[in-house]
């Protein structure tokens, strides 16, 4: 099966503005798919990337480093190159299905709707239904997001956000980190990193923030003793050393970083939101509000992790490959 994979490349080093492909969960998922399928992969120019992942067939093009600008950047020359592949397109670019299907209506396009459209740059929210209706299929990580697509007249299906189950597993290593914050901080604030910092200041716990893009370091958002940027190869061992992970992401999805931590045996403290109830179950003991982060975290540290939720089994790369093959046939 031949397919064109078009990631969004949402992760950049905030100091250099260059793309971090090797730590971008969407690019890593597409890297797995490319290893199993005959794939062309759309990527930024090499000089725009801080690190590299290489693929057998690459479609390189200049793209803006700003996530907002890239959302609105529709390169018709690149679209022609994509259409020349004469293969279905799987994309994480939220809006590209609209211009792509306008230019090439016979091209099969499967796109993603992965978050609350008003959680970042709400002024673009009205553009999303255009993409959903244009795409042949829209994959969504939760039922609530799928219903949003259906109400807009799109063809929605639930695909949980996948993680690499071969890499992230429970470990018997000593856990010398009390609290891990492995969410990506940004100017839009959707991960509530400022709430996390305020809640944890002066708590006396051993805290690590992975700060994958360097945003927290650049903005002095937390004590520098908390910061621990690690290479992707060393990241699993950091999770294995962590007792609890705090995830305050509030954009309608269950992040890959949280699933990786849960799979590694961390007790997860999460916001009391529908997507987390869908994933962990209604009786999960470590739901918090933005005002109870520290208290619930101490409870999780005292009691330890709960059994790994059954929903995680549907989030593996292997499970995602089956869904992709079925959707692109």
C-alpha atoms as a PDB file:
ATOM      1  CA  UNK A   1       0.000   0.000   0.000  1.00  0.00           C
ATOM      2  CA  UNK A   2       1.359   3.424  -0.985  1.00  0.00           C
ATOM      3  CA  UNK A   3       0.453   6.500   1.066  1.00  0.00           C
ATOM      4  CA  UNK A   4       1.572  10.103   1.460  1.00  0.00           C
ATOM      5  CA  UNK A   5       2.081  11.114   5.089  1.00  0.00           C
ATOM      6  CA  UNK A   6       1.781  14.821   5.879  1.00  0.00           C
ATOM      7  CA  UNK A   7       2.618  15.620   9.532  1.00  0.00           C
ATOM      8  CA  UNK A   8       2.007  19.040  11.044  1.00  0.00           C
ATOM      9  CA  UNK A   9       5.436  19.233  12.737  1.00  0.00           C
ATOM     10  CA  UNK A  10       4.165  21.164  15.757  1.00  0.00           C
ATOM     11  CA  UNK A  11       7.315  20.973  17.881  1.00  0.00           C
ATOM     12  CA  UNK A  12      10.043  23.578  17.526  1.00  0.00           C
ATOM     13  CA  UNK A  13      12.982  24.667  19.638  1.00  0.00           C
ATOM     14  CA  UNK A  14      11.782  28.017  20.970  1.00  0.00           C
ATOM     15  CA  UNK A  15      15.295  29.453  20.979  1.00  0.00           C
ATOM     16  CA  UNK A  16      16.203  28.652  17.372  1.00  0.00           C
ATOM     17  CA  UNK A  17      12.753  28.287  15.779  1.00  0.00           C
ATOM     18  CA  UNK A  18      13.879  25.020  14.182  1.00  0.00           C
ATOM     19  CA  UNK A  19      11.728  21.886  14.062  1.00  0.00           C
ATOM     20  CA  UNK A  20      12.337  19.032  16.498  1.00  0.00           C
ATOM     21  CA  UNK A  21      11.371  16.039  14.373  1.00  0.00           C
ATOM     22  CA  UNK A  22      12.872  13.346  16.618  1.00  0.00           C
ATOM     23  CA  UNK A  23      10.756  14.391  19.605  1.00  0.00           C
ATOM     24  CA  UNK A  24       7.530  15.233  17.747  1.00  0.00           C
ATOM     25  CA  UNK A  25       4.953  12.546  18.569  1.00  0.00           C
ATOM     26  CA  UNK A  26       3.151  12.949  15.246  1.00  0.00           C
ATOM     27  CA  UNK A  27       6.344  12.661  13.211  1.00  0.00           C
ATOM     28  CA  UNK A  28       7.428   9.627  15.246  1.00  0.00           C
ATOM     29  CA  UNK A  29       4.076   7.936  14.600  1.00  0.00           C
ATOM     30  CA  UNK A  30       4.411   8.632  10.885  1.00  0.00           C
ATOM     31  CA  UNK A  31       7.963   7.279  11.024  1.00  0.00           C
ATOM     32  CA  UNK A  32       6.532   3.998  12.300  1.00  0.00           C
ATOM     33  CA  UNK A  33       3.855   3.966   9.592  1.00  0.00           C
ATOM     34  CA  UNK A  34       6.474   4.705   6.936  1.00  0.00           C
ATOM     35  CA  UNK A  35       8.446   1.666   8.099  1.00  0.00           C
ATOM     36  CA  UNK A  36       5.395  -0.534   7.496  1.00  0.00           C
ATOM     37  CA  UNK A  37       3.949   1.067   4.367  1.00  0.00           C
ATOM     38  CA  UNK A  38       5.307   2.387   1.078  1.00  0.00           C
ATOM     39  CA  UNK A  39       5.213   6.066   1.993  1.00  0.00           C
ATOM     40  CA  UNK A  40       6.241   9.529   0.867  1.00  0.00           C
ATOM     41  CA  UNK A  41       6.583  11.929   3.802  1.00  0.00           C
ATOM     42  CA  UNK A  42       6.056  15.700   3.661  1.00  0.00           C
ATOM     43  CA  UNK A  43       8.694  17.504   5.756  1.00  0.00           C
ATOM     44  CA  UNK A  44      10.211  20.952   6.300  1.00  0.00           C
ATOM     45  CA  UNK A  45      13.459  21.817   4.555  1.00  0.00           C
ATOM     46  CA  UNK A  46      16.519  20.246   6.161  1.00  0.00           C
ATOM     47  CA  UNK A  47      17.969  23.614   7.200  1.00  0.00           C
ATOM     48  CA  UNK A  48      14.741  24.289   9.131  1.00  0.00           C
ATOM     49  CA  UNK A  49      15.211  21.220  11.347  1.00  0.00           C
ATOM     50  CA  UNK A  50      17.194  20.982  14.572  1.00  0.00           C
ATOM     51  CA  UNK A  51      17.451  17.205  14.181  1.00  0.00           C
ATOM     52  CA  UNK A  52      16.654  14.719  11.455  1.00  0.00           C
ATOM     53  CA  UNK A  53      14.563  11.676  10.741  1.00  0.00           C
ATOM     54  CA  UNK A  54      15.190  10.265   7.281  1.00  0.00           C
ATOM     55  CA  UNK A  55      12.705   8.514   5.009  1.00  0.00           C
ATOM     56  CA  UNK A  56      13.068   6.659   1.715  1.00  0.00           C
ATOM     57  CA  UNK A  57      10.894   9.213  -0.074  1.00  0.00           C
ATOM     58  CA  UNK A  58      10.662  12.783   1.178  1.00  0.00           C
ATOM     59  CA  UNK A  59       8.743  15.796  -0.096  1.00  0.00           C
ATOM     60  CA  UNK A  60      10.624  18.761   1.374  1.00  0.00           C
ATOM     61  CA  UNK A  61       9.164  22.254   1.401  1.00  0.00           C
ATOM     62  CA  UNK A  62       9.697  25.495   3.301  1.00  0.00           C
ATOM     63  CA  UNK A  63       7.088  26.016   6.024  1.00  0.00           C
ATOM     64  CA  UNK A  64       6.641  28.737   8.665  1.00  0.00           C
ATOM     65  CA  UNK A  65       7.919  27.868  12.132  1.00  0.00           C
ATOM     66  CA  UNK A  66       4.874  29.477  13.779  1.00  0.00           C
ATOM     67  CA  UNK A  67       2.121  26.918  14.394  1.00  0.00           C
ATOM     68  CA  UNK A  68      -0.536  29.525  13.590  1.00  0.00           C
ATOM     69  CA  UNK A  69       1.130  30.609  10.355  1.00  0.00           C
ATOM     70  CA  UNK A  70       1.714  26.983   9.345  1.00  0.00           C
ATOM     71  CA  UNK A  71      -1.950  26.203   9.943  1.00  0.00           C
ATOM     72  CA  UNK A  72      -2.799  28.911   7.400  1.00  0.00           C
ATOM     73  CA  UNK A  73       0.105  28.199   5.025  1.00  0.00           C
ATOM     74  CA  UNK A  74      -1.306  26.446   1.962  1.00  0.00           C
ATOM     75  CA  UNK A  75       1.488  25.755  -0.543  1.00  0.00           C
ATOM     76  CA  UNK A  76      -0.215  24.884  -3.837  1.00  0.00           C
ATOM     77  CA  UNK A  77       3.083  23.842  -5.432  1.00  0.00           C
ATOM     78  CA  UNK A  78       3.577  21.305  -2.646  1.00  0.00           C
ATOM     79  CA  UNK A  79      -0.010  20.136  -3.115  1.00  0.00           C
ATOM     80  CA  UNK A  80       0.756  19.411  -6.767  1.00  0.00           C
ATOM     81  CA  UNK A  81       3.772  17.336  -5.738  1.00  0.00           C
ATOM     82  CA  UNK A  82       1.587  15.451  -3.249  1.00  0.00           C
ATOM     83  CA  UNK A  83      -1.062  14.792  -5.905  1.00  0.00           C
ATOM     84  CA  UNK A  84       1.624  13.459  -8.265  1.00  0.00           C
ATOM     85  CA  UNK A  85       2.195  10.588  -5.827  1.00  0.00           C
ATOM     86  CA  UNK A  86      -1.260   9.296  -6.857  1.00  0.00           C
ATOM     87  CA  UNK A  87      -1.759   7.816  -3.413  1.00  0.00           C
ATOM     88  CA  UNK A  88      -4.088   8.467  -0.462  1.00  0.00           C
ATOM     89  CA  UNK A  89      -3.006  11.225   1.917  1.00  0.00           C
ATOM     90  CA  UNK A  90      -2.936  10.839   5.697  1.00  0.00           C
ATOM     91  CA  UNK A  91      -2.343  14.184   7.361  1.00  0.00           C
ATOM     92  CA  UNK A  92      -2.112  15.763  10.808  1.00  0.00           C
ATOM     93  CA  UNK A  93      -2.480  19.220   9.270  1.00  0.00           C
ATOM     94  CA  UNK A  94      -5.905  20.273  10.547  1.00  0.00           C
ATOM     95  CA  UNK A  95      -6.932  22.499   7.630  1.00  0.00           C
ATOM     96  CA  UNK A  96      -5.068  21.283   4.547  1.00  0.00           C
ATOM     97  CA  UNK A  97      -7.856  18.944   3.390  1.00  0.00           C
ATOM     98  CA  UNK A  98      -9.906  21.936   2.240  1.00  0.00           C
ATOM     99  CA  UNK A  99      -7.485  23.387  -0.358  1.00  0.00           C
ATOM    100  CA  UNK A 100      -6.080  19.962  -1.244  1.00  0.00           C
ATOM    101  CA  UNK A 101      -9.501  18.520  -2.101  1.00  0.00           C
ATOM    102  CA  UNK A 102     -10.480  21.747  -3.882  1.00  0.00           C
ATOM    103  CA  UNK A 103      -7.528  21.332  -6.240  1.00  0.00           C
ATOM    104  CA  UNK A 104      -7.712  17.529  -6.435  1.00  0.00           C
ATOM    105  CA  UNK A 105     -11.248  16.358  -5.631  1.00  0.00           C
ATOM    106  CA  UNK A 106     -10.522  12.710  -6.509  1.00  0.00           C
ATOM    107  CA  UNK A 107      -7.601  12.453  -4.081  1.00  0.00           C
ATOM    108  CA  UNK A 108      -8.465  10.449  -0.958  1.00  0.00           C
ATOM    109  CA  UNK A 109      -7.607  12.515   2.126  1.00  0.00           C
ATOM    110  CA  UNK A 110      -7.771  11.382   5.753  1.00  0.00           C
ATOM    111  CA  UNK A 111      -7.128  14.208   8.203  1.00  0.00           C
ATOM    112  CA  UNK A 112      -7.082  14.691  11.963  1.00  0.00           C
ATOM    113  CA  UNK A 113      -9.252  16.637  14.383  1.00  0.00           C
ATOM    114  CA  UNK A 114      -7.330  16.275  17.629  1.00  0.00           C
ATOM    115  CA  UNK A 115      -8.278  19.130  19.948  1.00  0.00           C
ATOM    116  CA  UNK A 116     -10.799  21.763  20.939  1.00  0.00           C
ATOM    117  CA  UNK A 117     -10.581  24.277  18.090  1.00  0.00           C
ATOM    118  CA  UNK A 118     -11.018  27.178  20.523  1.00  0.00           C
ATOM    119  CA  UNK A 119      -8.115  26.116  22.749  1.00  0.00           C
ATOM    120  CA  UNK A 120      -5.529  27.872  20.545  1.00  0.00           C
ATOM    121  CA  UNK A 121      -6.145  30.739  18.105  1.00  0.00           C
ATOM    122  CA  UNK A 122      -9.961  30.605  18.321  1.00  0.00           C
ATOM    123  CA  UNK A 123     -10.149  33.078  15.432  1.00  0.00           C
ATOM    124  CA  UNK A 124      -9.396  30.116  13.130  1.00  0.00           C
ATOM    125  CA  UNK A 125     -12.207  27.952  14.541  1.00  0.00           C
ATOM    126  CA  UNK A 126     -14.631  28.564  11.664  1.00  0.00           C
ATOM    127  CA  UNK A 127     -12.142  27.131   9.163  1.00  0.00           C
ATOM    128  CA  UNK A 128     -12.121  23.648  10.691  1.00  0.00           C
ATOM    129  CA  UNK A 129     -15.595  22.507   9.530  1.00  0.00           C
ATOM    130  CA  UNK A 130     -14.553  23.325   5.965  1.00  0.00           C
ATOM    131  CA  UNK A 131     -11.695  20.835   6.256  1.00  0.00           C
ATOM    132  CA  UNK A 132     -13.860  18.206   7.944  1.00  0.00           C
ATOM    133  CA  UNK A 133     -16.447  18.335   5.167  1.00  0.00           C
ATOM    134  CA  UNK A 134     -13.772  18.275   2.478  1.00  0.00           C
ATOM    135  CA  UNK A 135     -11.899  15.249   3.857  1.00  0.00           C
ATOM    136  CA  UNK A 136     -12.990  11.711   3.057  1.00  0.00           C
ATOM    137  CA  UNK A 137     -12.428  10.743   6.692  1.00  0.00           C
ATOM    138  CA  UNK A 138     -11.561  12.651   9.877  1.00  0.00           C
ATOM    139  CA  UNK A 139      -9.922  10.726  12.711  1.00  0.00           C
ATOM    140  CA  UNK A 140     -10.513  12.021  16.226  1.00  0.00           C
ATOM    141  CA  UNK A 141      -8.990  10.863  19.536  1.00  0.00           C
ATOM    142  CA  UNK A 142     -12.254  11.064  21.502  1.00  0.00           C
ATOM    143  CA  UNK A 143     -15.957  10.515  20.919  1.00  0.00           C
ATOM    144  CA  UNK A 144     -16.724  14.147  21.820  1.00  0.00           C
ATOM    145  CA  UNK A 145     -14.469  15.421  19.033  1.00  0.00           C
ATOM    146  CA  UNK A 146     -15.947  12.906  16.602  1.00  0.00           C
ATOM    147  CA  UNK A 147     -19.440  14.199  17.398  1.00  0.00           C
ATOM    148  CA  UNK A 148     -18.242  17.721  16.634  1.00  0.00           C
ATOM    149  CA  UNK A 149     -17.135  16.560  13.181  1.00  0.00           C
ATOM    150  CA  UNK A 150     -20.434  14.760  12.570  1.00  0.00           C
ATOM    151  CA  UNK A 151     -22.487  17.824  13.561  1.00  0.00           C
ATOM    152  CA  UNK A 152     -20.515  19.840  11.012  1.00  0.00           C
ATOM    153  CA  UNK A 153     -21.322  17.340   8.253  1.00  0.00           C
ATOM    154  CA  UNK A 154     -17.988  15.494   8.204  1.00  0.00           C
ATOM    155  CA  UNK A 155     -17.239  11.767   8.321  1.00  0.00           C
ATOM    156  CA  UNK A 156     -15.648  11.216  11.738  1.00  0.00           C
ATOM    157  CA  UNK A 157     -14.132   8.138  13.356  1.00  0.00           C
ATOM    158  CA  UNK A 158     -12.382   7.601  16.696  1.00  0.00           C
ATOM    159  CA  UNK A 159      -8.669   6.797  16.528  1.00  0.00           C
ATOM    160  CA  UNK A 160      -6.902   7.068  19.898  1.00  0.00           C
ATOM    161  CA  UNK A 161      -3.644   9.036  19.806  1.00  0.00           C
ATOM    162  CA  UNK A 162      -0.980   6.288  19.535  1.00  0.00           C
ATOM    163  CA  UNK A 163       2.244   5.713  21.445  1.00  0.00           C
ATOM    164  CA  UNK A 164       5.170   3.305  21.034  1.00  0.00           C
ATOM    165  CA  UNK A 165       4.414   0.366  23.337  1.00  0.00           C
ATOM    166  CA  UNK A 166       7.737  -1.277  22.437  1.00  0.00           C
ATOM    167  CA  UNK A 167       9.631   1.614  24.040  1.00  0.00           C
ATOM    168  CA  UNK A 168       7.447   2.637  26.980  1.00  0.00           C
ATOM    169  CA  UNK A 169       6.928  -0.184  29.460  1.00  0.00           C
ATOM    170  CA  UNK A 170       6.735  -0.645  33.248  1.00  0.00           C
ATOM    171  CA  UNK A 171      10.125  -0.723  34.924  1.00  0.00           C
ATOM    172  CA  UNK A 172      11.570  -1.926  38.217  1.00  0.00           C
ATOM    173  CA  UNK A 173      14.167   0.873  38.262  1.00  0.00           C
ATOM    174  CA  UNK A 174      14.369   2.995  41.456  1.00  0.00           C
ATOM    175  CA  UNK A 175      12.039   5.982  41.182  1.00  0.00           C
ATOM    176  CA  UNK A 176      13.940   9.003  42.472  1.00  0.00           C
ATOM    177  CA  UNK A 177      11.771  11.676  40.808  1.00  0.00           C
ATOM    178  CA  UNK A 178       8.579  12.473  42.691  1.00  0.00           C
ATOM    179  CA  UNK A 179       6.711  14.540  40.109  1.00  0.00           C
ATOM    180  CA  UNK A 180       7.190  14.762  36.350  1.00  0.00           C
ATOM    181  CA  UNK A 181       5.683  17.453  34.118  1.00  0.00           C
ATOM    182  CA  UNK A 182       6.321  16.247  30.566  1.00  0.00           C
ATOM    183  CA  UNK A 183       3.769  18.388  28.760  1.00  0.00           C
ATOM    184  CA  UNK A 184       4.867  20.954  26.197  1.00  0.00           C
ATOM    185  CA  UNK A 185       4.531  24.503  27.517  1.00  0.00           C
ATOM    186  CA  UNK A 186       3.575  27.256  25.076  1.00  0.00           C
ATOM    187  CA  UNK A 187       2.286  30.809  24.828  1.00  0.00           C
ATOM    188  CA  UNK A 188      -1.296  29.588  24.366  1.00  0.00           C
ATOM    189  CA  UNK A 189      -1.189  28.000  27.833  1.00  0.00           C
ATOM    190  CA  UNK A 190      -3.277  24.960  26.930  1.00  0.00           C
ATOM    191  CA  UNK A 191      -1.130  22.677  29.126  1.00  0.00           C
ATOM    192  CA  UNK A 192      -1.580  24.973  32.156  1.00  0.00           C
ATOM    193  CA  UNK A 193       2.142  24.944  32.903  1.00  0.00           C
ATOM    194  CA  UNK A 194       1.843  28.131  34.978  1.00  0.00           C
ATOM    195  CA  UNK A 195      -0.771  26.466  37.207  1.00  0.00           C
ATOM    196  CA  UNK A 196       1.545  23.499  37.677  1.00  0.00           C
ATOM    197  CA  UNK A 197       4.458  25.730  38.704  1.00  0.00           C
ATOM    198  CA  UNK A 198       2.383  27.781  41.160  1.00  0.00           C
ATOM    199  CA  UNK A 199       0.967  24.608  42.689  1.00  0.00           C
ATOM    200  CA  UNK A 200       4.346  22.960  43.180  1.00  0.00           C
ATOM    201  CA  UNK A 201       6.512  25.860  44.361  1.00  0.00           C
ATOM    202  CA  UNK A 202       7.953  25.248  47.825  1.00  0.00           C
ATOM    203  CA  UNK A 203       6.232  21.824  48.120  1.00  0.00           C
ATOM    204  CA  UNK A 204       9.473  20.004  48.952  1.00  0.00           C
ATOM    205  CA  UNK A 205       8.998  17.338  46.272  1.00  0.00           C
ATOM    206  CA  UNK A 206      11.595  16.283  43.697  1.00  0.00           C
ATOM    207  CA  UNK A 207      10.242  17.793  40.469  1.00  0.00           C
ATOM    208  CA  UNK A 208      11.350  17.491  36.858  1.00  0.00           C
ATOM    209  CA  UNK A 209       9.988  19.380  33.836  1.00  0.00           C
ATOM    210  CA  UNK A 210      11.157  17.965  30.519  1.00  0.00           C
ATOM    211  CA  UNK A 211      10.429  21.252  28.665  1.00  0.00           C
ATOM    212  CA  UNK A 212      10.842  19.607  25.225  1.00  0.00           C
ATOM    213  CA  UNK A 213      10.804  22.867  23.256  1.00  0.00           C
ATOM    214  CA  UNK A 214      12.760  24.979  25.751  1.00  0.00           C
ATOM    215  CA  UNK A 215       9.827  27.369  26.278  1.00  0.00           C
ATOM    216  CA  UNK A 216       9.909  27.198  30.081  1.00  0.00           C
ATOM    217  CA  UNK A 217      13.648  27.862  30.164  1.00  0.00           C
ATOM    218  CA  UNK A 218      13.352  30.721  27.684  1.00  0.00           C
ATOM    219  CA  UNK A 219      10.567  32.431  29.657  1.00  0.00           C
ATOM    220  CA  UNK A 220      11.919  31.604  33.142  1.00  0.00           C
ATOM    221  CA  UNK A 221       8.593  29.915  33.830  1.00  0.00           C
ATOM    222  CA  UNK A 222       9.858  27.618  36.610  1.00  0.00           C
ATOM    223  CA  UNK A 223      12.897  27.105  38.849  1.00  0.00           C
ATOM    224  CA  UNK A 224      15.798  26.098  36.610  1.00  0.00           C
ATOM    225  CA  UNK A 225      16.601  23.248  38.976  1.00  0.00           C
ATOM    226  CA  UNK A 226      13.398  21.578  37.750  1.00  0.00           C
ATOM    227  CA  UNK A 227      14.384  21.610  34.070  1.00  0.00           C
ATOM    228  CA  UNK A 228      15.705  18.434  32.486  1.00  0.00           C
ATOM    229  CA  UNK A 229      15.761  18.424  28.686  1.00  0.00           C
ATOM    230  CA  UNK A 230      16.833  14.966  27.575  1.00  0.00           C
ATOM    231  CA  UNK A 231      17.542  13.279  24.282  1.00  0.00           C
ATOM    232  CA  UNK A 232      14.722  11.084  23.002  1.00  0.00           C
ATOM    233  CA  UNK A 233      16.858   7.978  23.578  1.00  0.00           C
ATOM    234  CA  UNK A 234      17.119   8.790  27.302  1.00  0.00           C
ATOM    235  CA  UNK A 235      13.525   9.888  27.741  1.00  0.00           C
ATOM    236  CA  UNK A 236      12.108   6.402  28.562  1.00  0.00           C
ATOM    237  CA  UNK A 237      14.559   6.030  31.458  1.00  0.00           C
ATOM    238  CA  UNK A 238      13.406   9.389  32.845  1.00  0.00           C
ATOM    239  CA  UNK A 239       9.803   8.152  32.865  1.00  0.00           C
ATOM    240  CA  UNK A 240      10.917   4.917  34.508  1.00  0.00           C
ATOM    241  CA  UNK A 241      12.440   6.945  37.346  1.00  0.00           C
ATOM    242  CA  UNK A 242       9.291   9.046  37.950  1.00  0.00           C
ATOM    243  CA  UNK A 243       6.682   8.234  40.582  1.00  0.00           C
ATOM    244  CA  UNK A 244       3.891  10.535  39.353  1.00  0.00           C
ATOM    245  CA  UNK A 245       3.150  12.519  36.216  1.00  0.00           C
ATOM    246  CA  UNK A 246       0.924  15.605  36.269  1.00  0.00           C
ATOM    247  CA  UNK A 247      -1.002  16.389  33.085  1.00  0.00           C
ATOM    248  CA  UNK A 248      -3.120  19.553  33.032  1.00  0.00           C
ATOM    249  CA  UNK A 249      -3.557  19.698  29.259  1.00  0.00           C
ATOM    250  CA  UNK A 250      -7.018  21.077  28.559  1.00  0.00           C
ATOM    251  CA  UNK A 251      -7.652  20.927  24.820  1.00  0.00           C
ATOM    252  CA  UNK A 252      -9.992  17.952  24.482  1.00  0.00           C
ATOM    253  CA  UNK A 253      -7.452  15.182  23.907  1.00  0.00           C
ATOM    254  CA  UNK A 254      -5.371  12.702  25.930  1.00  0.00           C
ATOM    255  CA  UNK A 255      -1.744  13.545  25.070  1.00  0.00           C
ATOM    256  CA  UNK A 256       0.808  11.031  23.871  1.00  0.00           C
ATOM    257  CA  UNK A 257       3.202  12.140  26.628  1.00  0.00           C
ATOM    258  CA  UNK A 258       0.661  11.152  29.277  1.00  0.00           C
ATOM    259  CA  UNK A 259       0.122   7.721  27.719  1.00  0.00           C
ATOM    260  CA  UNK A 260       3.879   7.145  27.617  1.00  0.00           C
ATOM    261  CA  UNK A 261       4.145   7.978  31.319  1.00  0.00           C
ATOM    262  CA  UNK A 262       1.202   5.756  32.277  1.00  0.00           C
ATOM    263  CA  UNK A 263       2.643   2.877  30.236  1.00  0.00           C
ATOM    264  CA  UNK A 264       5.928   3.381  32.113  1.00  0.00           C
ATOM    265  CA  UNK A 265       4.253   2.895  35.486  1.00  0.00           C
ATOM    266  CA  UNK A 266       3.740   6.490  36.650  1.00  0.00           C
ATOM    267  CA  UNK A 267       0.739   7.455  38.746  1.00  0.00           C
ATOM    268  CA  UNK A 268      -1.125   9.995  36.625  1.00  0.00           C
ATOM    269  CA  UNK A 269      -2.743  13.147  38.024  1.00  0.00           C
ATOM    270  CA  UNK A 270      -5.074  14.614  35.393  1.00  0.00           C
ATOM    271  CA  UNK A 271      -7.743  17.276  35.104  1.00  0.00           C
ATOM    272  CA  UNK A 272     -11.328  16.230  35.661  1.00  0.00           C
ATOM    273  CA  UNK A 273     -12.350  16.528  32.023  1.00  0.00           C
ATOM    274  CA  UNK A 274     -14.471  14.282  29.749  1.00  0.00           C
ATOM    275  CA  UNK A 275     -11.522  13.022  27.687  1.00  0.00           C
ATOM    276  CA  UNK A 276      -9.692  11.801  30.799  1.00  0.00           C
ATOM    277  CA  UNK A 277     -12.849  10.207  32.202  1.00  0.00           C
ATOM    278  CA  UNK A 278     -13.289   8.397  28.895  1.00  0.00           C
ATOM    279  CA  UNK A 279      -9.698   7.129  29.105  1.00  0.00           C
ATOM    280  CA  UNK A 280      -9.279   6.352  32.824  1.00  0.00           C
ATOM    281  CA  UNK A 281     -12.890   5.602  33.800  1.00  0.00           C
ATOM    282  CA  UNK A 282     -15.365   7.516  35.935  1.00  0.00           C
ATOM    283  CA  UNK A 283     -14.006   6.222  39.260  1.00  0.00           C
ATOM    284  CA  UNK A 284     -10.371   7.125  38.707  1.00  0.00           C
ATOM    285  CA  UNK A 285      -8.978   8.451  42.022  1.00  0.00           C
ATOM    286  CA  UNK A 286      -6.535  11.060  40.726  1.00  0.00           C
ATOM    287  CA  UNK A 287      -8.745  13.562  38.937  1.00  0.00           C
ATOM    288  CA  UNK A 288      -7.933  17.124  39.985  1.00  0.00           C
ATOM    289  CA  UNK A 289      -9.053  20.686  39.397  1.00  0.00           C
ATOM    290  CA  UNK A 290      -6.732  23.606  38.776  1.00  0.00           C
ATOM    291  CA  UNK A 291      -7.032  24.367  42.513  1.00  0.00           C
ATOM    292  CA  UNK A 292      -6.274  20.874  43.850  1.00  0.00           C
ATOM    293  CA  UNK A 293      -3.183  19.877  41.855  1.00  0.00           C
ATOM    294  CA  UNK A 294      -0.793  19.568  44.800  1.00  0.00           C
ATOM    295  CA  UNK A 295      -3.260  17.781  47.082  1.00  0.00           C
ATOM    296  CA  UNK A 296      -4.180  15.152  44.492  1.00  0.00           C
ATOM    297  CA  UNK A 297      -0.516  14.734  43.569  1.00  0.00           C
ATOM    298  CA  UNK A 298       0.350  13.981  47.198  1.00  0.00           C
ATOM    299  CA  UNK A 299      -2.490  11.449  47.249  1.00  0.00           C
ATOM    300  CA  UNK A 300      -1.089   9.765  44.118  1.00  0.00           C
ATOM    301  CA  UNK A 301       2.382   9.646  45.668  1.00  0.00           C
ATOM    302  CA  UNK A 302       0.985   8.099  48.843  1.00  0.00           C
ATOM    303  CA  UNK A 303      -1.141   5.474  47.095  1.00  0.00           C
ATOM    304  CA  UNK A 304       0.894   4.779  43.963  1.00  0.00           C
ATOM    305  CA  UNK A 305      -0.247   4.067  40.398  1.00  0.00           C
ATOM    306  CA  UNK A 306      -3.550   2.432  39.595  1.00  0.00           C
ATOM    307  CA  UNK A 307      -3.735  -0.525  37.187  1.00  0.00           C
ATOM    308  CA  UNK A 308      -2.989   0.529  33.619  1.00  0.00           C
ATOM    309  CA  UNK A 309      -6.308   1.488  31.973  1.00  0.00           C
ATOM    310  CA  UNK A 310      -7.708  -0.948  29.454  1.00  0.00           C
ATOM    311  CA  UNK A 311      -8.037   1.863  26.915  1.00  0.00           C
ATOM    312  CA  UNK A 312      -4.251   2.027  26.597  1.00  0.00           C
ATOM    313  CA  UNK A 313      -4.229  -1.265  24.677  1.00  0.00           C
ATOM    314  CA  UNK A 314      -6.049   0.481  21.811  1.00  0.00           C
ATOM    315  CA  UNK A 315      -3.407   3.209  21.656  1.00  0.00           C
ATOM    316  CA  UNK A 316      -0.403   1.230  20.413  1.00  0.00           C
ATOM    317  CA  UNK A 317       1.330   1.854  17.107  1.00  0.00           C
ATOM    318  CA  UNK A 318       0.322  -1.649  16.038  1.00  0.00           C
ATOM    319  CA  UNK A 319      -3.366  -0.923  16.641  1.00  0.00           C
ATOM    320  CA  UNK A 320      -3.077   2.345  14.725  1.00  0.00           C
ATOM    321  CA  UNK A 321      -1.532   0.607  11.708  1.00  0.00           C
ATOM    322  CA  UNK A 322      -4.581  -1.612  11.343  1.00  0.00           C
ATOM    323  CA  UNK A 323      -6.888   1.432  11.431  1.00  0.00           C
ATOM    324  CA  UNK A 324      -4.788   3.257   8.847  1.00  0.00           C
ATOM    325  CA  UNK A 325      -4.790   0.323   6.435  1.00  0.00           C
ATOM    326  CA  UNK A 326      -8.559  -0.029   6.698  1.00  0.00           C
ATOM    327  CA  UNK A 327      -9.108   3.718   6.154  1.00  0.00           C
ATOM    328  CA  UNK A 328      -6.862   4.005   3.122  1.00  0.00           C
ATOM    329  CA  UNK A 329      -8.126   0.984   1.185  1.00  0.00           C
END
